[in-house]
Amino acid sequence: MAQGSSRWSAALRSEVYRELEHPADLLLEIRAQDLPGLLANALIAFYDQSADLAGFEPRRELTLEVHGDQPADALRNLLSEALYHFDTERFVGTEASVTVEGPAPGALAEELGPLRVRAFLRGENADPHRHVLTTEIKAVTYHLLSVEKVVTDGGSAWRATVLFDI
């Protein structure tokens, strides 16, 4: 089981994700040192695009659990679950800790089984008198969705692209 965590900080925004050009929707590239960190950063990027996080406090906890046959499926399912809680409860997370259970590192492609992802979020429900909601995200799409491990000068890192329908 691998674990990664992320806490929102405007100063770290450029290290965690960046917005890519897209003519109609919101396309993000997310980065991290490992897969759990990538998933945690993706959650923070989603919330950072949905609301002005400066006014939110970690007053409530929420646990999300999803599965995916591949890392990209797990990422989409996790973000879709976060979107569901945002739409139904107006929950906005400011901290995320993610665990991933699945095949051993270095497993062959034919040995890959489903991934189980559990995200522990801290945040609060948006209050229209205290909080500002920004971009209305309608869906997490499969279009341009990718998760990959990339080789860097210092070893390796993880990168994902996610397209949100807005």
C-alpha atoms as a PDB file:
ATOM      1  CA  MET A   1       0.000   0.000   0.000  1.00  0.00           C
ATOM      2  CA  ALA A   2       1.368   3.391  -1.002  1.00  0.00           C
ATOM      3  CA  GLN A   3       0.297   6.699   0.466  1.00  0.00           C
ATOM      4  CA  GLY A   4       0.517  10.338  -0.605  1.00  0.00           C
ATOM      5  CA  SER A   5      -0.861  13.560   0.777  1.00  0.00           C
ATOM      6  CA  SER A   6      -1.380  17.110  -0.353  1.00  0.00           C
ATOM      7  CA  ARG A   7      -2.474  20.291   1.380  1.00  0.00           C
ATOM      8  CA  TRP A   8      -3.618  23.291  -0.575  1.00  0.00           C
ATOM      9  CA  SER A   9      -1.268  26.220  -0.751  1.00  0.00           C
ATOM     10  CA  ALA A  10      -1.445  28.905  -3.407  1.00  0.00           C
ATOM     11  CA  ALA A  11       2.362  29.114  -3.299  1.00  0.00           C
ATOM     12  CA  LEU A  12       2.613  25.463  -4.403  1.00  0.00           C
ATOM     13  CA  ARG A  13       0.028  25.695  -7.197  1.00  0.00           C
ATOM     14  CA  SER A  14       2.590  25.814 -10.017  1.00  0.00           C
ATOM     15  CA  GLU A  15       4.401  22.756  -8.624  1.00  0.00           C
ATOM     16  CA  VAL A  16       1.207  20.690  -8.325  1.00  0.00           C
ATOM     17  CA  TYR A  17      -0.653  21.476 -11.561  1.00  0.00           C
ATOM     18  CA  ARG A  18      -1.013  23.788 -14.506  1.00  0.00           C
ATOM     19  CA  GLU A  19      -3.815  24.656 -16.873  1.00  0.00           C
ATOM     20  CA  LEU A  20      -3.283  23.636 -20.489  1.00  0.00           C
ATOM     21  CA  GLU A  21      -4.836  25.290 -23.543  1.00  0.00           C
ATOM     22  CA  HIS A  22      -8.259  23.978 -24.516  1.00  0.00           C
ATOM     23  CA  PRO A  23     -10.853  25.805 -26.644  1.00  0.00           C
ATOM     24  CA  ALA A  24     -13.943  25.027 -24.552  1.00  0.00           C
ATOM     25  CA  ASP A  25     -13.245  23.066 -21.388  1.00  0.00           C
ATOM     26  CA  LEU A  26     -10.751  22.932 -18.518  1.00  0.00           C
ATOM     27  CA  LEU A  27      -7.649  20.823 -19.207  1.00  0.00           C
ATOM     28  CA  LEU A  28      -5.175  20.296 -16.355  1.00  0.00           C
ATOM     29  CA  GLU A  29      -1.783  18.665 -16.115  1.00  0.00           C
ATOM     30  CA  ILE A  30      -1.053  17.353 -12.604  1.00  0.00           C
ATOM     31  CA  ARG A  31       2.346  16.243 -11.270  1.00  0.00           C
ATOM     32  CA  ALA A  32       3.726  14.326  -8.272  1.00  0.00           C
ATOM     33  CA  GLN A  33       6.540  12.024  -7.234  1.00  0.00           C
ATOM     34  CA  ASP A  34       4.330   8.926  -6.873  1.00  0.00           C
ATOM     35  CA  LEU A  35       0.854   7.693  -7.793  1.00  0.00           C
ATOM     36  CA  PRO A  36      -0.800   8.370  -4.397  1.00  0.00           C
ATOM     37  CA  GLY A  37       0.657  11.892  -4.435  1.00  0.00           C
ATOM     38  CA  LEU A  38      -0.623  12.392  -7.979  1.00  0.00           C
ATOM     39  CA  LEU A  39      -4.144  11.426  -6.939  1.00  0.00           C
ATOM     40  CA  ALA A  40      -3.993  13.724  -3.887  1.00  0.00           C
ATOM     41  CA  ASN A  41      -2.726  16.588  -6.055  1.00  0.00           C
ATOM     42  CA  ALA A  42      -5.512  15.954  -8.589  1.00  0.00           C
ATOM     43  CA  LEU A  43      -8.104  16.341  -5.848  1.00  0.00           C
ATOM     44  CA  ILE A  44      -6.551  19.604  -4.658  1.00  0.00           C
ATOM     45  CA  ALA A  45      -6.367  20.883  -8.266  1.00  0.00           C
ATOM     46  CA  PHE A  46     -10.066  20.036  -8.737  1.00  0.00           C
ATOM     47  CA  TYR A  47     -11.064  21.942  -5.604  1.00  0.00           C
ATOM     48  CA  ASP A  48      -8.721  24.839  -6.420  1.00  0.00           C
ATOM     49  CA  GLN A  49     -10.472  25.241  -9.781  1.00  0.00           C
ATOM     50  CA  SER A  50     -13.948  24.961  -8.210  1.00  0.00           C
ATOM     51  CA  ALA A  51     -13.586  27.482  -5.378  1.00  0.00           C
ATOM     52  CA  ASP A  52     -11.408  30.183  -3.852  1.00  0.00           C
ATOM     53  CA  LEU A  53      -9.815  27.917  -1.239  1.00  0.00           C
ATOM     54  CA  ALA A  54      -8.406  30.760   0.858  1.00  0.00           C
ATOM     55  CA  GLY A  55     -11.597  30.988   2.936  1.00  0.00           C
ATOM     56  CA  PHE A  56     -12.079  27.272   3.618  1.00  0.00           C
ATOM     57  CA  GLU A  57     -11.106  25.529   6.847  1.00  0.00           C
ATOM     58  CA  PRO A  58     -10.517  21.810   7.493  1.00  0.00           C
ATOM     59  CA  ARG A  59     -13.644  21.459   9.650  1.00  0.00           C
ATOM     60  CA  ARG A  60     -15.047  18.231   8.236  1.00  0.00           C
ATOM     61  CA  GLU A  61     -13.635  14.916   7.078  1.00  0.00           C
ATOM     62  CA  LEU A  62     -14.799  12.909   4.080  1.00  0.00           C
ATOM     63  CA  THR A  63     -13.542   9.526   2.875  1.00  0.00           C
ATOM     64  CA  LEU A  64     -13.832   8.525  -0.777  1.00  0.00           C
ATOM     65  CA  GLU A  65     -13.184   4.982  -1.959  1.00  0.00           C
ATOM     66  CA  VAL A  66     -12.994   3.996  -5.629  1.00  0.00           C
ATOM     67  CA  HIS A  67     -11.606   1.263  -7.839  1.00  0.00           C
ATOM     68  CA  GLY A  68     -10.080   1.313 -11.287  1.00  0.00           C
ATOM     69  CA  ASP A  69      -8.592  -1.231 -13.650  1.00  0.00           C
ATOM     70  CA  GLN A  70      -5.765   1.174 -14.479  1.00  0.00           C
ATOM     71  CA  PRO A  71      -4.427   4.365 -12.843  1.00  0.00           C
ATOM     72  CA  ALA A  72      -6.313   6.599 -15.305  1.00  0.00           C
ATOM     73  CA  ASP A  73      -9.597   4.853 -14.471  1.00  0.00           C
ATOM     74  CA  ALA A  74      -8.919   5.244 -10.752  1.00  0.00           C
ATOM     75  CA  LEU A  75      -8.145   8.959 -11.240  1.00  0.00           C
ATOM     76  CA  ARG A  76     -11.336   9.604 -13.179  1.00  0.00           C
ATOM     77  CA  ASN A  77     -13.444   7.641 -10.688  1.00  0.00           C
ATOM     78  CA  LEU A  78     -11.895   9.510  -7.747  1.00  0.00           C
ATOM     79  CA  LEU A  79     -12.484  12.935  -9.288  1.00  0.00           C
ATOM     80  CA  SER A  80     -16.028  11.966 -10.289  1.00  0.00           C
ATOM     81  CA  GLU A  81     -16.752  10.941  -6.699  1.00  0.00           C
ATOM     82  CA  ALA A  82     -15.335  14.258  -5.442  1.00  0.00           C
ATOM     83  CA  LEU A  83     -17.527  16.091  -7.976  1.00  0.00           C
ATOM     84  CA  TYR A  84     -20.585  14.183  -6.733  1.00  0.00           C
ATOM     85  CA  HIS A  85     -19.959  15.344  -3.136  1.00  0.00           C
ATOM     86  CA  PHE A  86     -19.300  18.876  -4.355  1.00  0.00           C
ATOM     87  CA  ASP A  87     -22.585  18.924  -6.292  1.00  0.00           C
ATOM     88  CA  THR A  88     -24.719  17.328  -3.575  1.00  0.00           C
ATOM     89  CA  GLU A  89     -23.177  18.731  -0.382  1.00  0.00           C
ATOM     90  CA  ARG A  90     -20.967  21.566  -1.655  1.00  0.00           C
ATOM     91  CA  PHE A  91     -18.037  19.825   0.066  1.00  0.00           C
ATOM     92  CA  VAL A  92     -14.703  21.500  -0.739  1.00  0.00           C
ATOM     93  CA  GLY A  93     -11.493  19.805   0.343  1.00  0.00           C
ATOM     94  CA  THR A  94      -8.340  21.673   1.340  1.00  0.00           C
ATOM     95  CA  GLU A  95      -6.297  18.624   2.404  1.00  0.00           C
ATOM     96  CA  ALA A  96      -6.089  15.178   0.828  1.00  0.00           C
ATOM     97  CA  SER A  97      -4.346  11.992   1.870  1.00  0.00           C
ATOM     98  CA  VAL A  98      -4.554   9.080  -0.561  1.00  0.00           C
ATOM     99  CA  THR A  99      -3.688   5.395  -0.252  1.00  0.00           C
ATOM    100  CA  VAL A 100      -3.437   3.057  -3.218  1.00  0.00           C
ATOM    101  CA  GLU A 101      -3.608  -0.719  -3.034  1.00  0.00           C
ATOM    102  CA  GLY A 102      -2.889  -2.771  -6.111  1.00  0.00           C
ATOM    103  CA  PRO A 103      -0.206  -4.700  -7.924  1.00  0.00           C
ATOM    104  CA  ALA A 104       3.359  -4.651  -6.702  1.00  0.00           C
ATOM    105  CA  PRO A 105       5.612  -1.998  -8.248  1.00  0.00           C
ATOM    106  CA  GLY A 106       7.188  -3.311 -11.442  1.00  0.00           C
ATOM    107  CA  ALA A 107       4.354  -5.768 -12.180  1.00  0.00           C
ATOM    108  CA  LEU A 108       4.019  -6.717 -15.841  1.00  0.00           C
ATOM    109  CA  ALA A 109       1.128  -5.179 -17.768  1.00  0.00           C
ATOM    110  CA  GLU A 110      -0.683  -8.540 -17.951  1.00  0.00           C
ATOM    111  CA  GLU A 111      -0.383  -8.875 -14.155  1.00  0.00           C
ATOM    112  CA  LEU A 112      -2.035  -5.529 -13.428  1.00  0.00           C
ATOM    113  CA  GLY A 113      -5.209  -5.940 -11.477  1.00  0.00           C
ATOM    114  CA  PRO A 114      -7.669  -3.400 -10.198  1.00  0.00           C
ATOM    115  CA  LEU A 115      -6.441  -0.553  -8.033  1.00  0.00           C
ATOM    116  CA  ARG A 116      -8.250   0.353  -4.834  1.00  0.00           C
ATOM    117  CA  VAL A 117      -7.961   4.031  -3.911  1.00  0.00           C
ATOM    118  CA  ARG A 118      -8.996   5.554  -0.608  1.00  0.00           C
ATOM    119  CA  ALA A 119      -8.878   9.328  -0.188  1.00  0.00           C
ATOM    120  CA  PHE A 120      -9.186  11.029   3.184  1.00  0.00           C
ATOM    121  CA  LEU A 121     -10.247  14.652   2.715  1.00  0.00           C
ATOM    122  CA  ARG A 122     -10.496  17.538   5.137  1.00  0.00           C
ATOM    123  CA  GLY A 123     -12.442  20.652   4.271  1.00  0.00           C
ATOM    124  CA  GLU A 124     -15.918  22.062   4.708  1.00  0.00           C
ATOM    125  CA  ASN A 125     -19.198  22.575   2.925  1.00  0.00           C
ATOM    126  CA  ALA A 126     -19.318  25.838   1.006  1.00  0.00           C
ATOM    127  CA  ASP A 127     -21.296  28.608   2.680  1.00  0.00           C
ATOM    128  CA  PRO A 128     -22.498  31.241   0.171  1.00  0.00           C
ATOM    129  CA  HIS A 129     -22.033  33.958   2.823  1.00  0.00           C
ATOM    130  CA  ARG A 130     -18.347  33.123   3.421  1.00  0.00           C
ATOM    131  CA  HIS A 131     -17.056  31.323   0.342  1.00  0.00           C
ATOM    132  CA  VAL A 132     -16.607  32.026  -3.343  1.00  0.00           C
ATOM    133  CA  LEU A 133     -17.273  29.246  -5.835  1.00  0.00           C
ATOM    134  CA  THR A 134     -15.554  29.797  -9.166  1.00  0.00           C
ATOM    135  CA  THR A 135     -15.628  27.323 -12.074  1.00  0.00           C
ATOM    136  CA  GLU A 136     -18.696  25.105 -12.443  1.00  0.00           C
ATOM    137  CA  ILE A 137     -17.362  21.679 -13.375  1.00  0.00           C
ATOM    138  CA  LYS A 138     -20.048  19.467 -14.918  1.00  0.00           C
ATOM    139  CA  ALA A 139     -18.132  16.233 -15.483  1.00  0.00           C
ATOM    140  CA  VAL A 140     -14.753  14.493 -15.500  1.00  0.00           C
ATOM    141  CA  THR A 141     -14.312  13.215 -19.053  1.00  0.00           C
ATOM    142  CA  TYR A 142     -12.432  10.287 -20.575  1.00  0.00           C
ATOM    143  CA  HIS A 143     -11.245  12.526 -23.417  1.00  0.00           C
ATOM    144  CA  LEU A 144      -7.484  13.254 -23.122  1.00  0.00           C
ATOM    145  CA  LEU A 145      -7.380  11.388 -19.775  1.00  0.00           C
ATOM    146  CA  SER A 146      -3.920   9.972 -19.077  1.00  0.00           C
ATOM    147  CA  VAL A 147      -1.719   8.888 -16.200  1.00  0.00           C
ATOM    148  CA  GLU A 148       1.914   8.063 -16.822  1.00  0.00           C
ATOM    149  CA  LYS A 149       5.166   7.511 -15.029  1.00  0.00           C
ATOM    150  CA  VAL A 150       7.872   9.673 -16.612  1.00  0.00           C
ATOM    151  CA  VAL A 151      11.643   9.563 -16.352  1.00  0.00           C
ATOM    152  CA  THR A 152      13.228  12.755 -15.030  1.00  0.00           C
ATOM    153  CA  ASP A 153      16.792  13.878 -14.364  1.00  0.00           C
ATOM    154  CA  GLY A 154      16.312  12.991 -10.689  1.00  0.00           C
ATOM    155  CA  GLY A 155      14.658   9.604 -11.264  1.00  0.00           C
ATOM    156  CA  SER A 156      10.978   9.323 -12.069  1.00  0.00           C
ATOM    157  CA  ALA A 157       7.737  11.155 -11.431  1.00  0.00           C
ATOM    158  CA  TRP A 158       4.058  10.848 -12.299  1.00  0.00           C
ATOM    159  CA  ARG A 159       2.014  13.066 -14.594  1.00  0.00           C
ATOM    160  CA  ALA A 160      -1.684  13.102 -15.472  1.00  0.00           C
ATOM    161  CA  THR A 161      -3.916  15.079 -17.774  1.00  0.00           C
ATOM    162  CA  VAL A 162      -7.599  15.514 -16.988  1.00  0.00           C
ATOM    163  CA  LEU A 163     -10.271  17.281 -19.022  1.00  0.00           C
ATOM    164  CA  PHE A 164     -13.204  18.720 -17.095  1.00  0.00           C
ATOM    165  CA  ASP A 165     -16.432  19.568 -18.894  1.00  0.00           C
ATOM    166  CA  ILE A 166     -17.392  23.098 -17.812  1.00  0.00           C
END
